[in-house]
C-alpha atoms as a PDB file:
ATOM      1  CA  MET A   1     -80.207   1.374  -2.047  1.00  0.00           C
ATOM      2  CA  ALA A   2     -79.604   4.515  -4.096  1.00  0.00           C
ATOM      3  CA  ALA A   3     -79.950   6.583  -0.897  1.00  0.00           C
ATOM      4  CA  GLU A   4     -77.273   4.509   0.826  1.00  0.00           C
ATOM      5  CA  SER A   5     -74.958   4.911  -2.140  1.00  0.00           C
ATOM      6  CA  LEU A   6     -75.508   8.669  -2.129  1.00  0.00           C
ATOM      7  CA  GLN A   7     -74.934   8.853   1.631  1.00  0.00           C
ATOM      8  CA  GLU A   8     -71.729   6.853   1.289  1.00  0.00           C
ATOM      9  CA  ARG A   9     -70.518   9.127  -1.478  1.00  0.00           C
ATOM     10  CA  ILE A  10     -71.297  12.246   0.561  1.00  0.00           C
ATOM     11  CA  ALA A  11     -69.497  10.798   3.591  1.00  0.00           C
ATOM     12  CA  ALA A  12     -66.438  10.016   1.465  1.00  0.00           C
ATOM     13  CA  LEU A  13     -66.428  13.545   0.029  1.00  0.00           C
ATOM     14  CA  GLU A  14     -66.779  15.080   3.487  1.00  0.00           C
ATOM     15  CA  GLU A  15     -63.840  13.010   4.730  1.00  0.00           C
ATOM     16  CA  ARG A  16     -61.685  14.087   1.783  1.00  0.00           C
ATOM     17  CA  VAL A  17     -62.618  17.770   2.211  1.00  0.00           C
ATOM     18  CA  SER A  18     -61.785  17.507   5.899  1.00  0.00           C
ATOM     19  CA  ARG A  19     -58.351  16.065   5.089  1.00  0.00           C
ATOM     20  CA  LEU A  20     -57.694  18.738   2.477  1.00  0.00           C
ATOM     21  CA  GLU A  21     -58.759  21.527   4.834  1.00  0.00           C
ATOM     22  CA  SER A  22     -56.436  20.211   7.505  1.00  0.00           C
ATOM     23  CA  VAL A  23     -53.373  20.553   5.269  1.00  0.00           C
ATOM     24  CA  GLY A  24     -51.133  23.144   6.855  1.00  0.00           C
ATOM     25  CA  GLN A  25     -52.696  22.547  10.275  1.00  0.00           C
ATOM     26  CA  GLU A  26     -51.045  19.200  10.809  1.00  0.00           C
ATOM     27  CA  PRO A  27     -47.767  17.757   9.584  1.00  0.00           C
ATOM     28  CA  VAL A  28     -47.784  16.417   6.033  1.00  0.00           C
ATOM     29  CA  SER A  29     -46.846  12.980   7.380  1.00  0.00           C
ATOM     30  CA  GLN A  30     -50.339  12.719   8.955  1.00  0.00           C
ATOM     31  CA  VAL A  31     -51.988  13.497   5.640  1.00  0.00           C
ATOM     32  CA  SER A  32     -51.126  11.147   2.817  1.00  0.00           C
ATOM     33  CA  ARG A  33     -48.079  12.653   1.124  1.00  0.00           C
ATOM     34  CA  SER A  34     -49.223  11.272  -2.216  1.00  0.00           C
ATOM     35  CA  GLU A  35     -52.543  13.141  -1.876  1.00  0.00           C
ATOM     36  CA  VAL A  36     -50.950  16.490  -1.073  1.00  0.00           C
ATOM     37  CA  PHE A  37     -47.893  16.339  -3.333  1.00  0.00           C
ATOM     38  CA  TRP A  38     -49.243  14.129  -6.108  1.00  0.00           C
ATOM     39  CA  ALA A  39     -47.454  16.046  -8.870  1.00  0.00           C
ATOM     40  CA  LEU A  40     -44.184  16.172  -6.946  1.00  0.00           C
ATOM     41  CA  GLU A  41     -44.348  12.446  -6.177  1.00  0.00           C
ATOM     42  CA  GLY A  42     -45.012  11.708  -9.845  1.00  0.00           C
ATOM     43  CA  LEU A  43     -41.978  13.780 -10.820  1.00  0.00           C
ATOM     44  CA  ARG A  44     -39.778  11.896  -8.346  1.00  0.00           C
ATOM     45  CA  GLU A  45     -40.992   8.539  -9.630  1.00  0.00           C
ATOM     46  CA  ARG A  46     -40.472   9.464 -13.274  1.00  0.00           C
ATOM     47  CA  LEU A  47     -37.100  11.215 -13.115  1.00  0.00           C
ATOM     48  CA  ALA A  48     -34.011   9.905 -11.376  1.00  0.00           C
ATOM     49  CA  GLY A  49     -32.039  12.134  -9.053  1.00  0.00           C
ATOM     50  CA  ASN A  50     -32.806  15.536  -7.627  1.00  0.00           C
ATOM     51  CA  GLY A  51     -33.020  18.940  -9.161  1.00  0.00           C
ATOM     52  CA  GLN A  52     -35.875  18.887 -11.631  1.00  0.00           C
ATOM     53  CA  VAL A  53     -38.405  21.631 -12.217  1.00  0.00           C
ATOM     54  CA  LEU A  54     -41.787  20.928 -13.769  1.00  0.00           C
ATOM     55  CA  PHE A  55     -44.834  22.999 -14.563  1.00  0.00           C
ATOM     56  CA  THR A  56     -47.984  21.777 -16.154  1.00  0.00           C
ATOM     57  CA  GLY A  57     -51.561  22.744 -16.741  1.00  0.00           C
ATOM     58  CA  VAL A  58     -54.853  21.780 -18.343  1.00  0.00           C
ATOM     59  CA  LEU A  59     -57.459  24.449 -18.972  1.00  0.00           C
ATOM     60  CA  ASP A  60     -60.378  25.561 -21.067  1.00  0.00           C
ATOM     61  CA  LEU A  61     -60.513  29.272 -21.772  1.00  0.00           C
ATOM     62  CA  PRO A  62     -63.801  31.198 -21.929  1.00  0.00           C
ATOM     63  CA  THR A  63     -63.254  31.199 -25.713  1.00  0.00           C
ATOM     64  CA  GLY A  64     -63.670  27.407 -25.782  1.00  0.00           C
ATOM     65  CA  GLU A  65     -60.002  26.827 -26.553  1.00  0.00           C
ATOM     66  CA  HIS A  66     -58.477  23.861 -24.733  1.00  0.00           C
ATOM     67  CA  TYR A  67     -54.828  23.693 -23.669  1.00  0.00           C
ATOM     68  CA  GLU A  68     -52.708  20.949 -22.147  1.00  0.00           C
ATOM     69  CA  TRP A  69     -49.093  21.703 -21.431  1.00  0.00           C
ATOM     70  CA  GLN A  70     -46.139  20.444 -19.475  1.00  0.00           C
ATOM     71  CA  GLN A  71     -42.552  21.514 -19.449  1.00  0.00           C
ATOM     72  CA  GLY A  72     -39.684  20.284 -17.358  1.00  0.00           C
ATOM     73  CA  ALA A  73     -36.039  21.143 -16.945  1.00  0.00           C
ATOM     74  CA  VAL A  74     -33.025  19.989 -14.985  1.00  0.00           C
ATOM     75  CA  ALA A  75     -32.269  22.588 -12.317  1.00  0.00           C
ATOM     76  CA  GLU A  76     -28.510  22.431 -12.920  1.00  0.00           C
ATOM     77  CA  GLY A  77     -28.965  23.564 -16.517  1.00  0.00           C
ATOM     78  CA  LEU A  78     -31.252  26.382 -15.447  1.00  0.00           C
ATOM     79  CA  LEU A  79     -28.799  27.586 -12.818  1.00  0.00           C
ATOM     80  CA  GLU A  80     -25.913  27.554 -15.303  1.00  0.00           C
ATOM     81  CA  ALA A  81     -27.801  29.373 -18.088  1.00  0.00           C
ATOM     82  CA  ASP A  82     -27.329  33.072 -18.849  1.00  0.00           C
ATOM     83  CA  TRP A  83     -30.574  34.459 -17.474  1.00  0.00           C
ATOM     84  CA  SER A  84     -30.003  37.892 -18.969  1.00  0.00           C
ATOM     85  CA  GLU A  85     -30.749  36.419 -22.410  1.00  0.00           C
ATOM     86  CA  HIS A  86     -34.343  35.949 -21.259  1.00  0.00           C
ATOM     87  CA  ALA A  87     -34.991  39.433 -19.895  1.00  0.00           C
ATOM     88  CA  ALA A  88     -37.142  40.676 -22.807  1.00  0.00           C
ATOM     89  CA  PRO A  89     -40.130  38.324 -22.285  1.00  0.00           C
ATOM     90  CA  TYR A  90     -40.253  39.200 -18.591  1.00  0.00           C
ATOM     91  CA  ALA A  91     -39.813  42.910 -19.262  1.00  0.00           C
ATOM     92  CA  ALA A  92     -42.771  42.830 -21.654  1.00  0.00           C
ATOM     93  CA  LEU A  93     -44.953  41.619 -18.776  1.00  0.00           C
ATOM     94  CA  GLY A  94     -43.792  44.456 -16.529  1.00  0.00           C
ATOM     95  CA  HIS A  95     -46.532  46.933 -17.423  1.00  0.00           C
ATOM     96  CA  PRO A  96     -50.114  46.879 -16.107  1.00  0.00           C
ATOM     97  CA  VAL A  97     -51.585  47.728 -19.527  1.00  0.00           C
ATOM     98  CA  ARG A  98     -49.830  44.748 -21.110  1.00  0.00           C
ATOM     99  CA  LEU A  99     -51.117  42.399 -18.436  1.00  0.00           C
ATOM    100  CA  THR A 100     -54.617  43.799 -18.985  1.00  0.00           C
ATOM    101  CA  LEU A 101     -54.267  43.183 -22.720  1.00  0.00           C
ATOM    102  CA  LEU A 102     -53.080  39.596 -22.221  1.00  0.00           C
ATOM    103  CA  ARG A 103     -55.927  38.820 -19.826  1.00  0.00           C
ATOM    104  CA  ALA A 104     -58.442  40.312 -22.261  1.00  0.00           C
ATOM    105  CA  VAL A 105     -57.082  38.235 -25.150  1.00  0.00           C
ATOM    106  CA  LEU A 106     -57.237  35.034 -23.076  1.00  0.00           C
ATOM    107  CA  GLN A 107     -60.841  35.879 -22.205  1.00  0.00           C
ATOM    108  CA  GLY A 108     -61.787  36.314 -25.849  1.00  0.00           C
ATOM    109  CA  THR A 109     -61.227  39.966 -26.716  1.00  0.00           C
ATOM    110  CA  ARG A 110     -59.160  39.750 -29.875  1.00  0.00           C
ATOM    111  CA  SER A 111     -59.636  42.864 -32.022  1.00  0.00           C
ATOM    112  CA  ALA A 112     -57.434  45.918 -31.620  1.00  0.00           C
ATOM    113  CA  ALA A 113     -60.467  48.197 -31.237  1.00  0.00           C
ATOM    114  CA  GLU A 114     -61.888  46.090 -28.396  1.00  0.00           C
ATOM    115  CA  LEU A 115     -58.469  45.804 -26.763  1.00  0.00           C
ATOM    116  CA  GLN A 116     -58.009  49.578 -26.885  1.00  0.00           C
ATOM    117  CA  GLU A 117     -61.350  50.059 -25.151  1.00  0.00           C
ATOM    118  CA  THR A 118     -60.695  47.309 -22.588  1.00  0.00           C
ATOM    119  CA  ALA A 119     -57.302  48.765 -21.650  1.00  0.00           C
ATOM    120  CA  GLY A 120     -58.700  52.296 -21.469  1.00  0.00           C
ATOM    121  CA  LEU A 121     -56.159  53.686 -23.906  1.00  0.00           C
ATOM    122  CA  ASN A 122     -56.835  57.021 -25.567  1.00  0.00           C
ATOM    123  CA  THR A 123     -54.933  56.474 -28.806  1.00  0.00           C
ATOM    124  CA  THR A 124     -54.180  53.617 -31.152  1.00  0.00           C
ATOM    125  CA  GLY A 125     -50.526  54.641 -30.872  1.00  0.00           C
ATOM    126  CA  GLN A 126     -50.548  53.745 -27.184  1.00  0.00           C
ATOM    127  CA  LEU A 127     -52.251  50.435 -27.945  1.00  0.00           C
ATOM    128  CA  TYR A 128     -49.848  49.440 -30.709  1.00  0.00           C
ATOM    129  CA  HIS A 129     -46.844  50.359 -28.571  1.00  0.00           C
ATOM    130  CA  HIS A 130     -47.947  47.767 -25.986  1.00  0.00           C
ATOM    131  CA  LEU A 131     -49.029  45.196 -28.579  1.00  0.00           C
ATOM    132  CA  LYS A 132     -45.637  45.521 -30.282  1.00  0.00           C
ATOM    133  CA  GLN A 133     -43.842  44.807 -26.999  1.00  0.00           C
ATOM    134  CA  LEU A 134     -45.992  41.730 -26.365  1.00  0.00           C
ATOM    135  CA  THR A 135     -45.654  40.349 -29.896  1.00  0.00           C
ATOM    136  CA  ALA A 136     -41.882  40.955 -30.001  1.00  0.00           C
ATOM    137  CA  ALA A 137     -41.516  39.023 -26.736  1.00  0.00           C
ATOM    138  CA  GLY A 138     -43.701  36.172 -28.013  1.00  0.00           C
ATOM    139  CA  TRP A 139     -46.622  36.677 -25.627  1.00  0.00           C
ATOM    140  CA  LEU A 140     -48.998  37.647 -28.452  1.00  0.00           C
ATOM    141  CA  HIS A 141     -49.314  36.677 -32.089  1.00  0.00           C
ATOM    142  CA  ALA A 142     -51.106  38.727 -34.729  1.00  0.00           C
ATOM    143  CA  GLU A 143     -53.686  36.430 -36.335  1.00  0.00           C
ATOM    144  CA  GLY A 144     -54.816  38.687 -39.099  1.00  0.00           C
ATOM    145  CA  ARG A 145     -55.356  42.366 -39.491  1.00  0.00           C
ATOM    146  CA  GLY A 146     -55.874  43.843 -36.041  1.00  0.00           C
ATOM    147  CA  HIS A 147     -56.603  40.557 -34.220  1.00  0.00           C
ATOM    148  CA  TYR A 148     -54.379  38.942 -31.608  1.00  0.00           C
ATOM    149  CA  GLN A 149     -54.002  35.617 -29.852  1.00  0.00           C
ATOM    150  CA  VAL A 150     -51.732  34.248 -27.132  1.00  0.00           C
ATOM    151  CA  PRO A 151     -49.724  31.455 -28.806  1.00  0.00           C
ATOM    152  CA  ALA A 152     -50.692  27.986 -27.557  1.00  0.00           C
ATOM    153  CA  GLY A 153     -47.225  27.370 -26.116  1.00  0.00           C
ATOM    154  CA  ARG A 154     -47.457  30.517 -24.009  1.00  0.00           C
ATOM    155  CA  VAL A 155     -50.903  30.117 -22.402  1.00  0.00           C
ATOM    156  CA  VAL A 156     -49.988  27.783 -19.524  1.00  0.00           C
ATOM    157  CA  PRO A 157     -46.512  29.314 -18.972  1.00  0.00           C
ATOM    158  CA  LEU A 158     -48.137  32.757 -18.669  1.00  0.00           C
ATOM    159  CA  LEU A 159     -50.623  31.468 -16.113  1.00  0.00           C
ATOM    160  CA  VAL A 160     -47.816  29.712 -14.228  1.00  0.00           C
ATOM    161  CA  LEU A 161     -45.900  32.993 -13.996  1.00  0.00           C
ATOM    162  CA  LEU A 162     -49.003  34.754 -12.723  1.00  0.00           C
ATOM    163  CA  SER A 163     -49.721  32.007 -10.209  1.00  0.00           C
ATOM    164  CA  VAL A 164     -46.371  32.674  -8.534  1.00  0.00           C
ATOM    165  CA  VAL A 165     -47.612  36.062  -7.307  1.00  0.00           C
ATOM    166  CA  VAL A 166     -51.103  34.950  -6.258  1.00  0.00           C
ATOM    167  CA  PRO A 167     -51.675  35.449  -2.507  1.00  0.00           C
ATOM    168  CA  ALA A 168     -50.658  32.407  -0.465  1.00  0.00           C
ATOM    169  CA  GLY A 169     -54.270  31.550   0.443  1.00  0.00           C
ATOM    170  CA  ASN A 170     -54.993  30.725  -3.205  1.00  0.00           C
ATOM    171  CA  ARG A 171     -52.000  28.448  -3.769  1.00  0.00           C
ATOM    172  CA  THR A 172     -51.665  24.741  -3.368  1.00  0.00           C
ATOM    173  CA  THR A 173     -49.657  23.265  -0.528  1.00  0.00           C
ATOM    174  CA  GLU A 174     -45.935  23.906  -0.328  1.00  0.00           C
ATOM    175  CA  GLU A 175     -43.349  21.703   1.348  1.00  0.00           C
END
């Protein structure tokens, strides 16, 4: 009886994998829309009208820290806002060393000395220049003398921003 149950479970998993692999090869209407766009369908059910944007995430970092986050906005308000007021946080991400530092902090490297080594910087002046840019923009927070952390409210948003530039093969289905 246990063997039958296991075989049934394997068959069900194989069927689901087959359906998931076929996404993009056949029209969405042939694959259950609620399976492919489960987050989008949930957003439509919860919010009336069109024009909402939502991002969310649940993750455990290698450090053992756990984050759950969701943020939504009405598209009309976003389109009417003065985007130039938000240039500094994006500008702070526009340097490879800063992205290396952020990734290292999320993976558990927290001390300035370790961060300097990880980023391959020759001087502490170079390191602190980049750390200052990241802390001023809110991407890092100093948690004591020479130790840094990505604030909880920035972990998932940072990963969402990075996921936008991930090659298409690593993304979820788009409509």
